[in-house]
Amino acid sequence: MANDREILLRINQLSLAIVEEMVKDGDKYSSVEDIKVIENLSRTIVDLTNIHLGKDADLSTTLKACLIRSRLSYNTVVKDNLVKHI
């Protein structure tokens, strides 16, 4: 099982990859799927800030949820090229 730091690093990598992909192919993103990506990443940011503010009692579970939402967002953004892995 990955430790908390590894999970945070993974979330960071996925988020950066999403930004790069959306900037690179910006013209093709303007759908309901895009809204889901934004919502998932926004929820991840809320959870991560809650962790840093000491508002979250279950760090490991929250980080795992953040990783899942980040991965879902990443998969949505690069759905046409799923063989590309980070």
PDB file of N, CA and C in Angstrom:
ATOM      1  N   MET A   1       0.844  -1.185   0.000  1.00  0.00           N
ATOM      2  CA  MET A   1       0.000   0.000   0.000  1.00  0.00           C
ATOM      3  C   MET A   1       0.886   1.243   0.000  1.00  0.00           C
ATOM      4  N   ALA A   2       0.532   2.196  -0.794  1.00  0.00           N
ATOM      5  CA  ALA A   2       1.291   3.441  -0.885  1.00  0.00           C
ATOM      6  C   ALA A   2       1.120   4.273   0.380  1.00  0.00           C
ATOM      7  N   ASN A   3       2.188   4.952   0.745  1.00  0.00           N
ATOM      8  CA  ASN A   3       2.071   5.823   1.909  1.00  0.00           C
ATOM      9  C   ASN A   3       1.452   7.159   1.487  1.00  0.00           C
ATOM     10  N   ASP A   4       1.140   7.999   2.473  1.00  0.00           N
ATOM     11  CA  ASP A   4       0.434   9.247   2.201  1.00  0.00           C
ATOM     12  C   ASP A   4       1.216  10.163   1.264  1.00  0.00           C
ATOM     13  N   ARG A   5       2.518  10.234   1.429  1.00  0.00           N
ATOM     14  CA  ARG A   5       3.331  11.087   0.559  1.00  0.00           C
ATOM     15  C   ARG A   5       3.281  10.593  -0.883  1.00  0.00           C
ATOM     16  N   GLU A   6       3.339   9.296  -1.092  1.00  0.00           N
ATOM     17  CA  GLU A   6       3.265   8.753  -2.440  1.00  0.00           C
ATOM     18  C   GLU A   6       1.909   9.067  -3.083  1.00  0.00           C
ATOM     19  N   ILE A   7       0.848   9.006  -2.292  1.00  0.00           N
ATOM     20  CA  ILE A   7      -0.483   9.320  -2.811  1.00  0.00           C
ATOM     21  C   ILE A   7      -0.558  10.793  -3.197  1.00  0.00           C
ATOM     22  N   LEU A   8      -0.019  11.678  -2.346  1.00  0.00           N
ATOM     23  CA  LEU A   8      -0.004  13.101  -2.673  1.00  0.00           C
ATOM     24  C   LEU A   8       0.793  13.372  -3.950  1.00  0.00           C
ATOM     25  N   LEU A   9       1.922  12.716  -4.103  1.00  0.00           N
ATOM     26  CA  LEU A   9       2.724  12.879  -5.315  1.00  0.00           C
ATOM     27  C   LEU A   9       1.964  12.395  -6.549  1.00  0.00           C
ATOM     28  N   ARG A  10       1.240  11.313  -6.411  1.00  0.00           N
ATOM     29  CA  ARG A  10       0.455  10.768  -7.533  1.00  0.00           C
ATOM     30  C   ARG A  10      -0.669  11.735  -7.928  1.00  0.00           C
ATOM     31  N   ILE A  11      -1.363  12.291  -6.931  1.00  0.00           N
ATOM     32  CA  ILE A  11      -2.405  13.274  -7.202  1.00  0.00           C
ATOM     33  C   ILE A  11      -1.807  14.461  -7.945  1.00  0.00           C
ATOM     34  N   ASN A  12      -0.641  14.903  -7.507  1.00  0.00           N
ATOM     35  CA  ASN A  12       0.047  16.019  -8.138  1.00  0.00           C
ATOM     36  C   ASN A  12       0.366  15.699  -9.591  1.00  0.00           C
ATOM     37  N   GLN A  13       0.909  14.513  -9.859  1.00  0.00           N
ATOM     38  CA  GLN A  13       1.257  14.115 -11.221  1.00  0.00           C
ATOM     39  C   GLN A  13       0.021  14.068 -12.124  1.00  0.00           C
ATOM     40  N   LEU A  14      -1.052  13.487 -11.617  1.00  0.00           N
ATOM     41  CA  LEU A  14      -2.275  13.390 -12.418  1.00  0.00           C
ATOM     42  C   LEU A  14      -2.846  14.774 -12.719  1.00  0.00           C
ATOM     43  N   SER A  15      -2.855  15.636 -11.731  1.00  0.00           N
ATOM     44  CA  SER A  15      -3.385  16.986 -11.939  1.00  0.00           C
ATOM     45  C   SER A  15      -2.561  17.751 -12.967  1.00  0.00           C
ATOM     46  N   LEU A  16      -1.245  17.651 -12.879  1.00  0.00           N
ATOM     47  CA  LEU A  16      -0.384  18.315 -13.858  1.00  0.00           C
ATOM     48  C   LEU A  16      -0.597  17.742 -15.265  1.00  0.00           C
ATOM     49  N   ALA A  17      -0.777  16.450 -15.365  1.00  0.00           N
ATOM     50  CA  ALA A  17      -1.014  15.825 -16.668  1.00  0.00           C
ATOM     51  C   ALA A  17      -2.346  16.290 -17.258  1.00  0.00           C
ATOM     52  N   ILE A  18      -3.351  16.454 -16.431  1.00  0.00           N
ATOM     53  CA  ILE A  18      -4.649  16.946 -16.895  1.00  0.00           C
ATOM     54  C   ILE A  18      -4.498  18.361 -17.442  1.00  0.00           C
ATOM     55  N   VAL A  19      -3.809  19.214 -16.711  1.00  0.00           N
ATOM     56  CA  VAL A  19      -3.600  20.589 -17.162  1.00  0.00           C
ATOM     57  C   VAL A  19      -2.867  20.597 -18.497  1.00  0.00           C
ATOM     58  N   GLU A  20      -1.799  19.828 -18.609  1.00  0.00           N
ATOM     59  CA  GLU A  20      -1.043  19.769 -19.854  1.00  0.00           C
ATOM     60  C   GLU A  20      -1.902  19.285 -21.018  1.00  0.00           C
ATOM     61  N   GLU A  21      -2.692  18.257 -20.779  1.00  0.00           N
ATOM     62  CA  GLU A  21      -3.541  17.693 -21.831  1.00  0.00           C
ATOM     63  C   GLU A  21      -4.607  18.690 -22.264  1.00  0.00           C
ATOM     64  N   MET A  22      -5.224  19.374 -21.303  1.00  0.00           N
ATOM     65  CA  MET A  22      -6.279  20.319 -21.640  1.00  0.00           C
ATOM     66  C   MET A  22      -5.723  21.557 -22.339  1.00  0.00           C
ATOM     67  N   VAL A  23      -4.521  21.973 -21.975  1.00  0.00           N
ATOM     68  CA  VAL A  23      -3.901  23.115 -22.654  1.00  0.00           C
ATOM     69  C   VAL A  23      -3.495  22.724 -24.070  1.00  0.00           C
ATOM     70  N   LYS A  24      -2.934  21.534 -24.203  1.00  0.00           N
ATOM     71  CA  LYS A  24      -2.467  21.046 -25.509  1.00  0.00           C
ATOM     72  C   LYS A  24      -3.630  20.892 -26.494  1.00  0.00           C
ATOM     73  N   ASP A  25      -4.742  20.307 -26.033  1.00  0.00           N
ATOM     74  CA  ASP A  25      -5.898  20.028 -26.895  1.00  0.00           C
ATOM     75  C   ASP A  25      -7.122  20.810 -26.422  1.00  0.00           C
ATOM     76  N   GLY A  26      -6.933  22.058 -26.069  1.00  0.00           N
ATOM     77  CA  GLY A  26      -7.984  22.870 -25.463  1.00  0.00           C
ATOM     78  C   GLY A  26      -9.263  22.988 -26.267  1.00  0.00           C
ATOM     79  N   ASP A  27      -9.170  22.965 -27.591  1.00  0.00           N
ATOM     80  CA  ASP A  27     -10.352  23.145 -28.428  1.00  0.00           C
ATOM     81  C   ASP A  27     -11.368  22.012 -28.305  1.00  0.00           C
ATOM     82  N   LYS A  28     -10.936  20.841 -27.921  1.00  0.00           N
ATOM     83  CA  LYS A  28     -11.862  19.711 -27.895  1.00  0.00           C
ATOM     84  C   LYS A  28     -12.550  19.513 -26.544  1.00  0.00           C
ATOM     85  N   TYR A  29     -12.307  20.407 -25.564  1.00  0.00           N
ATOM     86  CA  TYR A  29     -12.889  20.245 -24.237  1.00  0.00           C
ATOM     87  C   TYR A  29     -13.929  21.320 -23.951  1.00  0.00           C
ATOM     88  N   SER A  30     -15.185  20.959 -24.026  1.00  0.00           N
ATOM     89  CA  SER A  30     -16.266  21.879 -23.655  1.00  0.00           C
ATOM     90  C   SER A  30     -17.571  21.113 -23.530  1.00  0.00           C
ATOM     91  N   SER A  31     -17.576  20.055 -22.761  1.00  0.00           N
ATOM     92  CA  SER A  31     -18.755  19.201 -22.660  1.00  0.00           C
ATOM     93  C   SER A  31     -19.097  18.921 -21.205  1.00  0.00           C
ATOM     94  N   VAL A  32     -20.076  18.078 -21.013  1.00  0.00           N
ATOM     95  CA  VAL A  32     -20.478  17.650 -19.676  1.00  0.00           C
ATOM     96  C   VAL A  32     -19.324  16.929 -18.992  1.00  0.00           C
ATOM     97  N   GLU A  33     -18.539  16.191 -19.762  1.00  0.00           N
ATOM     98  CA  GLU A  33     -17.376  15.499 -19.197  1.00  0.00           C
ATOM     99  C   GLU A  33     -16.381  16.490 -18.604  1.00  0.00           C
ATOM    100  N   ASP A  34     -16.231  17.624 -19.261  1.00  0.00           N
ATOM    101  CA  ASP A  34     -15.326  18.648 -18.744  1.00  0.00           C
ATOM    102  C   ASP A  34     -15.799  19.154 -17.389  1.00  0.00           C
ATOM    103  N   ILE A  35     -17.104  19.317 -17.264  1.00  0.00           N
ATOM    104  CA  ILE A  35     -17.670  19.769 -15.985  1.00  0.00           C
ATOM    105  C   ILE A  35     -17.385  18.746 -14.895  1.00  0.00           C
ATOM    106  N   LYS A  36     -17.475  17.462 -15.231  1.00  0.00           N
ATOM    107  CA  LYS A  36     -17.167  16.410 -14.255  1.00  0.00           C
ATOM    108  C   LYS A  36     -15.703  16.467 -13.828  1.00  0.00           C
ATOM    109  N   VAL A  37     -14.810  16.705 -14.792  1.00  0.00           N
ATOM    110  CA  VAL A  37     -13.387  16.821 -14.472  1.00  0.00           C
ATOM    111  C   VAL A  37     -13.169  17.979 -13.504  1.00  0.00           C
ATOM    112  N   ILE A  38     -13.764  19.126 -13.814  1.00  0.00           N
ATOM    113  CA  ILE A  38     -13.603  20.298 -12.960  1.00  0.00           C
ATOM    114  C   ILE A  38     -14.170  20.043 -11.575  1.00  0.00           C
ATOM    115  N   GLU A  39     -15.332  19.407 -11.512  1.00  0.00           N
ATOM    116  CA  GLU A  39     -15.931  19.099 -10.205  1.00  0.00           C
ATOM    117  C   GLU A  39     -15.039  18.153  -9.397  1.00  0.00           C
ATOM    118  N   ASN A  40     -14.556  17.098 -10.018  1.00  0.00           N
ATOM    119  CA  ASN A  40     -13.696  16.147  -9.305  1.00  0.00           C
ATOM    120  C   ASN A  40     -12.426  16.807  -8.798  1.00  0.00           C
ATOM    121  N   LEU A  41     -11.811  17.618  -9.630  1.00  0.00           N
ATOM    122  CA  LEU A  41     -10.580  18.285  -9.198  1.00  0.00           C
ATOM    123  C   LEU A  41     -10.864  19.328  -8.124  1.00  0.00           C
ATOM    124  N   SER A  42     -11.992  19.998  -8.218  1.00  0.00           N
ATOM    125  CA  SER A  42     -12.364  20.966  -7.184  1.00  0.00           C
ATOM    126  C   SER A  42     -12.595  20.271  -5.842  1.00  0.00           C
ATOM    127  N   ARG A  43     -13.260  19.143  -5.871  1.00  0.00           N
ATOM    128  CA  ARG A  43     -13.475  18.382  -4.634  1.00  0.00           C
ATOM    129  C   ARG A  43     -12.140  17.903  -4.053  1.00  0.00           C
ATOM    130  N   THR A  44     -11.231  17.531  -4.935  1.00  0.00           N
ATOM    131  CA  THR A  44      -9.902  17.115  -4.482  1.00  0.00           C
ATOM    132  C   THR A  44      -9.192  18.270  -3.790  1.00  0.00           C
ATOM    133  N   ILE A  45      -9.265  19.449  -4.372  1.00  0.00           N
ATOM    134  CA  ILE A  45      -8.631  20.622  -3.759  1.00  0.00           C
ATOM    135  C   ILE A  45      -9.248  20.913  -2.397  1.00  0.00           C
ATOM    136  N   VAL A  46     -10.570  20.827  -2.297  1.00  0.00           N
ATOM    137  CA  VAL A  46     -11.238  21.050  -1.009  1.00  0.00           C
ATOM    138  C   VAL A  46     -10.737  20.051   0.024  1.00  0.00           C
ATOM    139  N   ASP A  47     -10.683  18.785  -0.351  1.00  0.00           N
ATOM    140  CA  ASP A  47     -10.210  17.756   0.588  1.00  0.00           C
ATOM    141  C   ASP A  47      -8.766  17.987   1.008  1.00  0.00           C
ATOM    142  N   LEU A  48      -7.910  18.320   0.052  1.00  0.00           N
ATOM    143  CA  LEU A  48      -6.503  18.547   0.378  1.00  0.00           C
ATOM    144  C   LEU A  48      -6.327  19.767   1.283  1.00  0.00           C
ATOM    145  N   THR A  49      -7.092  20.813   1.030  1.00  0.00           N
ATOM    146  CA  THR A  49      -6.993  21.977   1.918  1.00  0.00           C
ATOM    147  C   THR A  49      -7.543  21.662   3.295  1.00  0.00           C
ATOM    148  N   ASN A  50      -8.587  20.841   3.363  1.00  0.00           N
ATOM    149  CA  ASN A  50      -9.109  20.428   4.672  1.00  0.00           C
ATOM    150  C   ASN A  50      -8.062  19.643   5.454  1.00  0.00           C
ATOM    151  N   ILE A  51      -7.310  18.811   4.769  1.00  0.00           N
ATOM    152  CA  ILE A  51      -6.232  18.063   5.420  1.00  0.00           C
ATOM    153  C   ILE A  51      -5.215  19.035   6.004  1.00  0.00           C
ATOM    154  N   HIS A  52      -4.805  19.987   5.197  1.00  0.00           N
ATOM    155  CA  HIS A  52      -3.772  20.927   5.647  1.00  0.00           C
ATOM    156  C   HIS A  52      -4.277  21.881   6.722  1.00  0.00           C
ATOM    157  N   LEU A  53      -5.590  22.105   6.764  1.00  0.00           N
ATOM    158  CA  LEU A  53      -6.168  22.959   7.799  1.00  0.00           C
ATOM    159  C   LEU A  53      -6.508  22.182   9.065  1.00  0.00           C
ATOM    160  N   GLY A  54      -6.299  20.874   9.032  1.00  0.00           N
ATOM    161  CA  GLY A  54      -6.577  20.053  10.204  1.00  0.00           C
ATOM    162  C   GLY A  54      -8.055  19.762  10.403  1.00  0.00           C
ATOM    163  N   LYS A  55      -8.844  19.904   9.356  1.00  0.00           N
ATOM    164  CA  LYS A  55     -10.289  19.672   9.445  1.00  0.00           C
ATOM    165  C   LYS A  55     -10.679  18.230   9.127  1.00  0.00           C
ATOM    166  N   ASP A  56      -9.731  17.401   8.777  1.00  0.00           N
ATOM    167  CA  ASP A  56     -10.019  16.028   8.365  1.00  0.00           C
ATOM    168  C   ASP A  56      -9.362  15.060   9.330  1.00  0.00           C
ATOM    169  N   ALA A  57     -10.172  14.169   9.884  1.00  0.00           N
ATOM    170  CA  ALA A  57      -9.659  13.235  10.882  1.00  0.00           C
ATOM    171  C   ALA A  57      -9.110  11.947  10.271  1.00  0.00           C
ATOM    172  N   ASP A  58      -9.505  11.638   9.040  1.00  0.00           N
ATOM    173  CA  ASP A  58      -9.115  10.371   8.419  1.00  0.00           C
ATOM    174  C   ASP A  58      -8.257  10.637   7.180  1.00  0.00           C
ATOM    175  N   LEU A  59      -7.002  10.933   7.413  1.00  0.00           N
ATOM    176  CA  LEU A  59      -6.082  11.337   6.360  1.00  0.00           C
ATOM    177  C   LEU A  59      -5.973  10.301   5.245  1.00  0.00           C
ATOM    178  N   SER A  60      -5.733   9.058   5.587  1.00  0.00           N
ATOM    179  CA  SER A  60      -5.502   8.032   4.563  1.00  0.00           C
ATOM    180  C   SER A  60      -6.712   7.830   3.655  1.00  0.00           C
ATOM    181  N   THR A  61      -7.902   7.772   4.233  1.00  0.00           N
ATOM    182  CA  THR A  61      -9.114   7.584   3.434  1.00  0.00           C
ATOM    183  C   THR A  61      -9.347   8.782   2.523  1.00  0.00           C
ATOM    184  N   THR A  62      -9.136   9.978   3.032  1.00  0.00           N
ATOM    185  CA  THR A  62      -9.327  11.184   2.236  1.00  0.00           C
ATOM    186  C   THR A  62      -8.325  11.231   1.091  1.00  0.00           C
ATOM    187  N   LEU A  63      -7.080  10.878   1.342  1.00  0.00           N
ATOM    188  CA  LEU A  63      -6.078  10.872   0.272  1.00  0.00           C
ATOM    189  C   LEU A  63      -6.414   9.845  -0.801  1.00  0.00           C
ATOM    190  N   LYS A  64      -6.905   8.697  -0.388  1.00  0.00           N
ATOM    191  CA  LYS A  64      -7.297   7.676  -1.362  1.00  0.00           C
ATOM    192  C   LYS A  64      -8.453   8.175  -2.222  1.00  0.00           C
ATOM    193  N   ALA A  65      -9.416   8.857  -1.612  1.00  0.00           N
ATOM    194  CA  ALA A  65     -10.538   9.424  -2.365  1.00  0.00           C
ATOM    195  C   ALA A  65     -10.046  10.484  -3.351  1.00  0.00           C
ATOM    196  N   CYS A  66      -9.080  11.290  -2.914  1.00  0.00           N
ATOM    197  CA  CYS A  66      -8.494  12.309  -3.796  1.00  0.00           C
ATOM    198  C   CYS A  66      -7.795  11.653  -4.982  1.00  0.00           C
ATOM    199  N   LEU A  67      -7.082  10.591  -4.727  1.00  0.00           N
ATOM    200  CA  LEU A  67      -6.389   9.878  -5.799  1.00  0.00           C
ATOM    201  C   LEU A  67      -7.389   9.292  -6.799  1.00  0.00           C
ATOM    202  N   ILE A  68      -8.466   8.720  -6.307  1.00  0.00           N
ATOM    203  CA  ILE A  68      -9.493   8.151  -7.188  1.00  0.00           C
ATOM    204  C   ILE A  68     -10.099   9.247  -8.063  1.00  0.00           C
ATOM    205  N   ARG A  69     -10.457  10.382  -7.456  1.00  0.00           N
ATOM    206  CA  ARG A  69     -11.040  11.480  -8.236  1.00  0.00           C
ATOM    207  C   ARG A  69     -10.035  12.030  -9.247  1.00  0.00           C
ATOM    208  N   SER A  70      -8.767  12.110  -8.865  1.00  0.00           N
ATOM    209  CA  SER A  70      -7.742  12.587  -9.796  1.00  0.00           C
ATOM    210  C   SER A  70      -7.590  11.622 -10.965  1.00  0.00           C
ATOM    211  N   ARG A  71      -7.605  10.340 -10.668  1.00  0.00           N
ATOM    212  CA  ARG A  71      -7.475   9.332 -11.726  1.00  0.00           C
ATOM    213  C   ARG A  71      -8.684   9.351 -12.665  1.00  0.00           C
ATOM    214  N   LEU A  72      -9.886   9.506 -12.112  1.00  0.00           N
ATOM    215  CA  LEU A  72     -11.087   9.610 -12.943  1.00  0.00           C
ATOM    216  C   LEU A  72     -10.993  10.819 -13.874  1.00  0.00           C
ATOM    217  N   SER A  73     -10.529  11.927 -13.340  1.00  0.00           N
ATOM    218  CA  SER A  73     -10.379  13.140 -14.148  1.00  0.00           C
ATOM    219  C   SER A  73      -9.357  12.919 -15.257  1.00  0.00           C
ATOM    220  N   TYR A  74      -8.239  12.337 -14.903  1.00  0.00           N
ATOM    221  CA  TYR A  74      -7.191  12.052 -15.884  1.00  0.00           C
ATOM    222  C   TYR A  74      -7.728  11.144 -16.998  1.00  0.00           C
ATOM    223  N   ASN A  75      -8.405  10.077 -16.622  1.00  0.00           N
ATOM    224  CA  ASN A  75      -8.945   9.142 -17.609  1.00  0.00           C
ATOM    225  C   ASN A  75      -9.946   9.822 -18.531  1.00  0.00           C
ATOM    226  N   THR A  76     -10.726  10.749 -18.000  1.00  0.00           N
ATOM    227  CA  THR A  76     -11.688  11.473 -18.820  1.00  0.00           C
ATOM    228  C   THR A  76     -10.981  12.356 -19.833  1.00  0.00           C
ATOM    229  N   VAL A  77      -9.942  13.041 -19.399  1.00  0.00           N
ATOM    230  CA  VAL A  77      -9.219  13.964 -20.271  1.00  0.00           C
ATOM    231  C   VAL A  77      -8.465  13.226 -21.371  1.00  0.00           C
ATOM    232  N   VAL A  78      -7.890  12.084 -21.069  1.00  0.00           N
ATOM    233  CA  VAL A  78      -7.087  11.364 -22.060  1.00  0.00           C
ATOM    234  C   VAL A  78      -7.785  10.099 -22.554  1.00  0.00           C
ATOM    235  N   LYS A  79      -9.100  10.096 -22.538  1.00  0.00           N
ATOM    236  CA  LYS A  79      -9.856   8.874 -22.876  1.00  0.00           C
ATOM    237  C   LYS A  79      -9.567   8.347 -24.275  1.00  0.00           C
ATOM    238  N   ASP A  80      -9.133   9.218 -25.167  1.00  0.00           N
ATOM    239  CA  ASP A  80      -8.815   8.757 -26.519  1.00  0.00           C
ATOM    240  C   ASP A  80      -7.448   8.105 -26.614  1.00  0.00           C
ATOM    241  N   ASN A  81      -6.667   8.193 -25.539  1.00  0.00           N
ATOM    242  CA  ASN A  81      -5.304   7.666 -25.554  1.00  0.00           C
ATOM    243  C   ASN A  81      -5.005   6.994 -24.216  1.00  0.00           C
ATOM    244  N   LEU A  82      -5.764   5.956 -23.875  1.00  0.00           N
ATOM    245  CA  LEU A  82      -5.631   5.310 -22.585  1.00  0.00           C
ATOM    246  C   LEU A  82      -4.334   4.520 -22.419  1.00  0.00           C
ATOM    247  N   VAL A  83      -3.603   4.288 -23.492  1.00  0.00           N
ATOM    248  CA  VAL A  83      -2.342   3.565 -23.347  1.00  0.00           C
ATOM    249  C   VAL A  83      -1.260   4.463 -22.745  1.00  0.00           C
ATOM    250  N   LYS A  84      -1.489   5.750 -22.748  1.00  0.00           N
ATOM    251  CA  LYS A  84      -0.524   6.699 -22.160  1.00  0.00           C
ATOM    252  C   LYS A  84      -0.709   6.687 -20.639  1.00  0.00           C
ATOM    253  N   HIS A  85       0.312   6.252 -19.928  1.00  0.00           N
ATOM    254  CA  HIS A  85       0.227   6.189 -18.479  1.00  0.00           C
ATOM    255  C   HIS A  85       1.286   7.063 -17.848  1.00  0.00           C
ATOM    256  N   ILE A  86       0.953   7.566 -16.691  1.00  0.00           N
ATOM    257  CA  ILE A  86       1.923   8.352 -15.916  1.00  0.00           C
ATOM    258  C   ILE A  86       2.554   7.442 -14.912  1.00  0.00           C
TER     259      ILE A  86
END
